[in-house]
Protein backbone atom coordinates (compact mmCIF):
# COMPACT_ATOMS: atom_id res chain seq x y z
CA MET A 1 -74.70 -5.54 -200.16
CA HIS A 2 -73.53 -6.57 -196.99
CA LYS A 3 -70.55 -8.38 -196.38
CA VAL A 4 -70.69 -10.73 -193.11
CA ILE A 5 -69.19 -13.20 -190.85
CA PHE A 6 -71.58 -14.63 -188.74
CA ASP A 7 -69.15 -15.97 -185.89
CA THR A 8 -72.46 -18.19 -183.69
CA ASP A 9 -72.75 -21.18 -181.27
CA PRO A 10 -76.20 -22.63 -182.96
CA GLY A 11 -78.46 -22.84 -180.94
CA VAL A 12 -82.14 -21.94 -181.90
CA ASP A 13 -81.97 -18.76 -181.37
CA ASP A 14 -78.80 -18.90 -183.65
CA ALA A 15 -80.33 -21.09 -186.31
CA MET A 16 -83.32 -18.59 -186.55
CA ALA A 17 -80.47 -15.57 -187.19
CA LEU A 18 -78.86 -17.67 -189.56
CA LEU A 19 -81.71 -17.94 -191.83
CA PHE A 20 -81.98 -14.52 -190.93
CA LEU A 21 -78.68 -13.65 -192.93
CA HIS A 22 -79.29 -16.28 -195.48
CA ASN A 23 -82.50 -15.08 -197.07
CA HIS A 24 -82.32 -10.92 -196.80
CA PRO A 25 -81.32 -9.80 -199.71
CA GLU A 26 -79.06 -6.93 -198.82
CA ILE A 27 -76.80 -9.82 -197.26
CA ASP A 28 -73.98 -11.67 -198.54
CA LEU A 29 -73.19 -14.13 -195.56
CA ILE A 30 -69.66 -14.98 -196.40
CA GLY A 31 -68.99 -16.31 -194.13
CA ILE A 32 -69.72 -18.71 -190.60
CA THR A 33 -67.11 -19.10 -187.62
CA THR A 34 -68.46 -21.40 -184.92
CA VAL A 35 -67.80 -21.38 -180.83
CA PHE A 36 -68.72 -22.97 -178.06
CA GLY A 37 -71.52 -21.68 -175.54
CA ASN A 38 -74.94 -23.33 -176.43
CA ALA A 39 -72.65 -26.01 -175.92
CA ALA A 40 -69.79 -27.63 -176.77
CA ILE A 41 -67.39 -26.51 -179.60
CA GLU A 42 -67.94 -30.16 -181.53
CA THR A 43 -71.82 -29.64 -181.68
CA THR A 44 -71.81 -25.96 -182.39
CA THR A 45 -69.88 -27.09 -185.66
CA ARG A 46 -71.75 -30.07 -186.51
CA ASN A 47 -74.95 -27.79 -186.27
CA ALA A 48 -74.12 -25.28 -188.26
CA LEU A 49 -73.01 -27.58 -190.79
CA PHE A 50 -75.91 -29.34 -190.81
CA LEU A 51 -78.21 -25.45 -190.70
CA LYS A 52 -75.20 -25.87 -193.53
CA ARG A 53 -76.80 -28.42 -195.40
CA GLU A 54 -80.63 -28.37 -194.66
CA TRP A 55 -81.13 -24.82 -196.07
CA GLY A 56 -78.66 -24.95 -198.98
CA ILE A 57 -76.69 -21.98 -197.48
CA GLU A 58 -72.89 -21.28 -199.60
CA ALA A 59 -71.04 -19.74 -197.50
CA PRO A 60 -67.92 -21.99 -195.50
CA VAL A 61 -68.23 -23.38 -192.52
CA ALA A 62 -64.56 -22.72 -189.83
CA LYS A 63 -64.28 -24.39 -186.41
CA GLY A 64 -63.41 -22.23 -183.05
CA ASP A 65 -60.78 -23.64 -180.85
CA GLY A 66 -63.44 -24.18 -178.62
CA LYS A 67 -61.36 -22.55 -175.59
CA THR A 68 -61.05 -19.41 -173.35
CA TYR A 69 -59.24 -16.41 -173.83
CA ASN A 70 -58.46 -16.58 -170.49
CA PRO A 71 -57.15 -20.72 -170.57
CA MET A 72 -57.11 -20.31 -166.76
CA ARG A 73 -60.60 -20.40 -166.95
CA ASN A 74 -63.09 -23.63 -167.86
CA PRO A 75 -66.67 -23.71 -169.69
CA ILE A 76 -69.66 -24.05 -167.00
CA ASP A 77 -72.33 -26.34 -167.75
CA TRP A 78 -73.90 -26.21 -171.74
CA PRO A 79 -76.86 -25.52 -171.01
CA VAL A 80 -79.17 -28.07 -172.08
CA MET A 81 -82.09 -27.01 -170.40
CA ILE A 82 -82.54 -23.94 -172.98
CA HIS A 83 -81.15 -25.34 -176.06
CA GLY A 84 -81.22 -29.13 -175.79
CA HIS A 85 -79.07 -31.69 -175.92
CA ASP A 86 -78.37 -31.19 -179.45
CA GLY A 87 -78.27 -27.17 -179.03
CA LEU A 88 -80.68 -27.66 -181.38
CA GLY A 89 -83.86 -28.48 -179.27
CA ASN A 90 -84.15 -32.20 -179.15
CA ILE A 91 -84.36 -32.61 -182.40
CA ASP A 92 -82.06 -35.83 -182.80
CA VAL A 93 -79.50 -33.66 -185.26
CA PRO A 94 -77.06 -36.77 -186.92
CA GLU A 95 -73.83 -37.09 -185.07
CA THR A 96 -71.79 -36.18 -187.97
CA ILE A 97 -72.48 -34.15 -191.59
CA ASP A 98 -71.31 -35.24 -194.75
CA LEU A 99 -69.68 -31.67 -195.09
CA PRO A 100 -66.60 -30.33 -195.26
CA LEU A 101 -65.47 -27.46 -192.91
CA ASP A 102 -62.87 -24.33 -194.41
CA PRO A 103 -59.34 -26.37 -193.26
CA ARG A 104 -58.20 -22.96 -191.08
CA SER A 105 -59.11 -21.85 -187.59
CA ALA A 106 -62.67 -19.97 -187.55
CA SER A 107 -59.51 -16.82 -186.03
CA ARG A 108 -57.63 -16.81 -188.50
CA PHE A 109 -60.56 -17.80 -191.48
CA ILE A 110 -61.83 -13.84 -189.97
CA ILE A 111 -58.09 -12.26 -190.91
CA GLU A 112 -58.28 -14.04 -194.25
CA THR A 113 -60.76 -13.07 -195.16
CA VAL A 114 -60.74 -9.36 -193.39
CA ARG A 115 -57.93 -9.32 -195.02
CA ALA A 116 -59.33 -10.26 -198.59
CA ASN A 117 -62.06 -7.77 -198.29
CA PRO A 118 -60.89 -4.22 -196.70
CA GLY A 119 -63.53 -2.32 -195.28
CA GLU A 120 -66.30 -4.57 -196.37
CA VAL A 121 -66.47 -7.41 -193.60
CA THR A 122 -69.15 -6.81 -191.05
CA LEU A 123 -68.37 -9.41 -188.27
CA ILE A 124 -71.57 -10.62 -186.15
CA ALA A 125 -70.97 -12.59 -183.41
CA VAL A 126 -73.98 -13.95 -180.92
CA GLY A 127 -72.08 -15.92 -178.90
CA ARG A 128 -68.46 -15.62 -176.80
CA MET A 129 -65.85 -13.12 -178.17
CA SER A 130 -63.38 -15.36 -178.11
CA ASN A 131 -63.46 -16.39 -182.32
CA LEU A 132 -62.62 -12.25 -182.85
CA ALA A 133 -60.41 -11.72 -179.41
CA TYR A 134 -57.83 -14.64 -181.55
CA ALA A 135 -57.86 -12.90 -183.75
CA LEU A 136 -57.58 -9.25 -182.43
CA LYS A 137 -54.31 -11.37 -180.79
CA GLU A 138 -52.85 -13.01 -183.45
CA ASP A 139 -53.80 -9.68 -186.30
CA PRO A 140 -54.25 -6.26 -183.93
CA ALA A 141 -54.26 -4.38 -187.38
CA ILE A 142 -57.19 -6.46 -188.62
CA ALA A 143 -59.51 -3.96 -186.17
CA GLY A 144 -58.73 -1.12 -189.19
CA LEU A 145 -59.51 -3.32 -192.20
CA VAL A 146 -63.50 -4.80 -190.36
CA LYS A 147 -66.20 -2.09 -191.44
CA GLN A 148 -67.70 -2.55 -187.62
CA VAL A 149 -68.62 -5.89 -185.15
CA ILE A 150 -72.51 -6.04 -184.39
CA ILE A 151 -72.47 -8.29 -180.67
CA MET A 152 -75.88 -10.51 -179.43
CA GLY A 153 -74.74 -9.82 -175.65
CA GLY A 154 -74.38 -7.78 -172.69
CA ALA A 155 -76.64 -5.89 -170.19
CA PHE A 156 -76.91 -2.12 -169.49
CA ASP A 157 -79.75 -0.87 -167.96
CA VAL A 158 -81.40 -4.22 -167.04
CA PRO A 159 -80.38 -6.92 -165.22
CA GLY A 160 -78.31 -9.79 -166.70
CA ASN A 161 -79.76 -13.56 -167.04
CA ILE A 162 -76.45 -15.48 -165.65
CA THR A 163 -76.10 -13.71 -162.62
CA PRO A 164 -77.60 -10.58 -161.88
CA ALA A 165 -75.02 -8.95 -163.62
CA ALA A 166 -73.77 -10.69 -166.51
CA GLU A 167 -75.15 -11.96 -169.84
CA ALA A 168 -74.54 -15.68 -170.55
CA ASN A 169 -72.43 -14.21 -174.26
CA ILE A 170 -70.39 -12.31 -172.26
CA HIS A 171 -70.30 -13.89 -169.02
CA GLY A 172 -68.89 -17.50 -170.95
CA ASP A 173 -65.43 -15.22 -171.69
CA PRO A 174 -65.07 -11.78 -170.50
CA GLU A 175 -61.41 -11.57 -170.81
CA ALA A 176 -62.08 -11.74 -174.39
CA ALA A 177 -65.36 -10.02 -174.74
CA ASP A 178 -63.99 -7.02 -173.11
CA ALA A 179 -60.29 -7.75 -175.34
CA VAL A 180 -63.06 -6.71 -178.48
CA MET A 181 -64.78 -4.10 -176.96
CA MET A 182 -61.66 -1.80 -175.87
CA ALA A 183 -60.01 -2.41 -179.84
CA PRO A 184 -60.72 0.31 -182.25
CA TRP A 185 -63.18 -0.71 -184.00
CA LYS A 186 -66.65 0.49 -184.72
CA VAL A 187 -68.63 -2.07 -182.08
CA VAL A 188 -72.24 -1.92 -181.46
CA VAL A 189 -73.60 -4.02 -178.76
CA VAL A 190 -77.33 -5.80 -179.38
CA GLY A 191 -78.20 -6.47 -175.30
CA LEU A 192 -80.73 -7.71 -173.33
CA ASP A 193 -81.89 -4.51 -172.54
CA VAL A 194 -83.52 -4.85 -176.00
CA THR A 195 -83.64 -7.73 -176.64
CA MET A 196 -85.54 -9.08 -173.98
CA LYS A 197 -88.84 -7.15 -175.66
CA THR A 198 -88.50 -9.17 -178.68
CA VAL A 199 -90.67 -12.20 -178.69
CA MET A 200 -91.99 -14.68 -181.26
CA THR A 201 -94.60 -16.72 -180.43
CA ARG A 202 -95.93 -19.82 -181.18
CA LYS A 203 -98.29 -19.45 -182.69
CA ARG A 204 -96.50 -16.58 -184.86
CA LEU A 205 -94.35 -19.16 -186.01
CA ALA A 206 -96.95 -21.40 -187.23
CA GLU A 207 -98.19 -19.01 -189.29
CA LEU A 208 -94.85 -17.84 -190.43
CA THR A 209 -94.28 -21.79 -191.56
CA ALA A 210 -97.81 -22.61 -193.35
CA GLN A 211 -96.35 -19.72 -195.60
CA ASN A 212 -92.39 -21.65 -196.15
CA GLY A 213 -92.87 -24.98 -195.77
CA LYS A 214 -89.57 -27.37 -195.73
CA HIS A 215 -87.54 -24.02 -194.24
CA LEU A 216 -89.17 -23.01 -191.64
CA LYS A 217 -90.84 -26.52 -190.76
CA LEU A 218 -86.83 -27.39 -189.07
CA LEU A 219 -86.82 -24.34 -187.25
CA SER A 220 -90.30 -24.46 -186.31
CA ASP A 221 -89.30 -27.51 -184.93
CA ILE A 222 -85.80 -26.78 -183.06
CA SER A 223 -87.96 -24.43 -180.95
CA GLN A 224 -90.47 -25.65 -179.96
CA PHE A 225 -87.88 -26.83 -176.18
CA TYR A 226 -86.91 -22.92 -176.83
CA ILE A 227 -90.29 -21.66 -176.10
CA ASP A 228 -91.01 -23.92 -173.89
CA PHE A 229 -87.97 -23.05 -171.63
CA TYR A 230 -89.28 -19.24 -172.34
CA GLY A 231 -92.58 -20.23 -171.32
CA GLN A 232 -91.31 -18.96 -167.07
CA HIS A 233 -89.56 -15.83 -168.56
CA VAL A 234 -92.48 -14.29 -170.91
CA LYS A 235 -95.93 -13.36 -170.82
CA ASP A 236 -96.58 -14.73 -173.96
CA GLU A 237 -96.11 -18.29 -175.10
CA GLY A 238 -93.23 -17.79 -177.42
CA MET A 239 -89.16 -17.41 -177.34
CA VAL A 240 -87.17 -14.36 -176.92
CA VAL A 241 -85.23 -13.71 -180.23
CA HIS A 242 -81.76 -12.38 -178.87
CA ASP A 243 -79.53 -13.45 -181.94
CA SER A 244 -81.55 -12.63 -184.94
CA CYS A 245 -81.97 -8.93 -183.36
CA ALA A 246 -77.73 -8.38 -183.90
CA CYS A 247 -79.05 -9.12 -187.77
CA ILE A 248 -81.59 -7.01 -187.56
CA TYR A 249 -79.41 -3.42 -186.13
CA LEU A 250 -76.79 -4.17 -189.47
CA ILE A 251 -79.77 -3.76 -192.08
CA ALA A 252 -82.22 -1.46 -190.61
CA PRO A 253 -79.66 0.46 -186.92
CA ASP A 254 -82.97 2.72 -187.14
CA LEU A 255 -85.19 1.02 -185.10
CA PHE A 256 -82.83 1.23 -182.59
CA THR A 257 -81.74 3.49 -180.39
CA THR A 258 -77.91 3.53 -179.18
CA ARG A 259 -76.18 5.44 -175.81
CA SER A 260 -71.88 5.59 -177.10
CA GLY A 261 -69.19 5.79 -175.05
CA ALA A 262 -66.13 3.07 -173.83
CA ILE A 263 -67.16 -0.01 -173.03
CA ARG A 264 -65.44 -2.66 -170.54
CA VAL A 265 -66.30 -5.94 -169.20
CA VAL A 266 -65.41 -6.83 -165.28
CA ALA A 267 -63.24 -10.01 -165.80
CA GLY A 268 -63.67 -11.70 -161.79
CA GLY A 269 -65.73 -11.27 -158.95
CA ILE A 270 -68.75 -11.31 -158.07
CA ALA A 271 -70.11 -9.36 -161.70
CA ASP A 272 -67.57 -11.33 -163.41
CA GLY A 273 -69.60 -10.23 -167.15
CA GLN A 274 -70.97 -7.49 -166.44
CA THR A 275 -70.96 -4.71 -169.30
CA ILE A 276 -70.17 -1.12 -167.52
CA GLN A 277 -70.50 1.81 -170.95
CA LYS A 278 -68.74 5.52 -169.50
CA PRO A 279 -71.41 7.51 -171.67
CA ASP A 280 -70.15 10.77 -173.91
CA ALA A 281 -72.37 11.99 -172.65
CA ARG A 282 -71.05 12.21 -169.06
CA SER A 283 -67.84 13.72 -167.24
CA PHE A 284 -65.68 11.86 -165.04
CA PRO A 285 -62.17 12.73 -163.42
CA PRO A 286 -59.22 11.26 -164.97
CA GLY A 287 -58.78 7.22 -164.86
CA ASN A 288 -58.98 3.96 -166.24
CA TRP A 289 -61.69 4.88 -169.24
CA ASP A 290 -59.73 7.71 -170.91
CA ASP A 291 -58.01 7.06 -174.03
CA LEU A 292 -60.34 4.24 -175.15
CA PRO A 293 -62.67 3.64 -178.83
CA SER A 294 -66.44 5.05 -178.36
CA GLN A 295 -68.82 2.09 -178.73
CA HIS A 296 -72.32 1.82 -179.21
CA ALA A 297 -74.59 -0.04 -176.71
CA CYS A 298 -78.31 -0.94 -177.69
CA ILE A 299 -80.44 1.15 -175.06
CA GLY A 300 -83.90 1.02 -177.09
CA ILE A 301 -85.75 -0.36 -179.87
CA ASP A 302 -88.51 -0.66 -181.61
CA ALA A 303 -89.63 -4.27 -181.00
CA GLU A 304 -93.12 -3.91 -183.45
CA LYS A 305 -90.68 -2.49 -186.34
CA VAL A 306 -87.36 -5.26 -185.52
CA MET A 307 -90.29 -8.44 -185.37
CA ALA A 308 -92.04 -6.97 -188.77
CA LEU A 309 -89.10 -7.20 -190.48
CA LEU A 310 -87.60 -10.86 -189.12
CA ASP A 311 -91.38 -12.20 -190.07
CA GLU A 312 -90.44 -11.02 -193.90
CA THR A 313 -87.40 -12.32 -194.02
CA LEU A 314 -87.77 -16.11 -192.85
CA VAL A 315 -91.24 -16.15 -194.90
CA ARG A 316 -88.33 -15.42 -197.57
């Protein structure tokens, strides 16, 4: 069993990824931590509690602080044109959910859970990296206790999606992402190089919903607004399943091709939020890239098999 803390900003594709984690028989979802991104922290936390309630998820939910790693940065306007005003496709999520939050902050929850399960916990982060960076700042030693970190974010050999240089999750808190990349733990970055090749069509989602009514009916309702947005970005009428790709990597890393090497994130200027890798296979003169941990960037994917695994798990 893979013990997982899911650091998330629900978010439509976050919801699909959460249902994947909840349904997969080899995953023990031991915590959900919330971060701002697809909506404000109050909204993403409310959404996490809503999905926990509707899908019968036992994992506790811990709320993030809702601030960037560099306090001088201010979050940009929330992407309501993508995820809706409620963050879940404008399905009119209730304003309050009658479930308690874990009393700890997200970063504290990460620290204490990792320390209670040394060498066993995988952190899957599919929003800003703020909670992970704050956990590292408070307790740097957890880097040696985490099994691995899997991130949905970044763009290495393809353009970004928020600027030509940057992917949105990284762009939203680049200083946090840079701290996470440089920490001495194993990081796998599942970015736009691979996620843009995975599309859940409206037709395919309807067929899956017919096989598993209640849970997938809610997911389908949440996803319609997102699919409408992606109509201008993908050939088929469907949605890119960014966050699910990071979760699927945990179960089936053989479906991905990775490139190893140090990774840094640009903080400031025209390329703010750009992810850059120094491949291990290339040699360069001595400089600022020396003595950094070698991380893994996904550069290839068997999209057909990834989608098949997603389908199979969602209908369980």
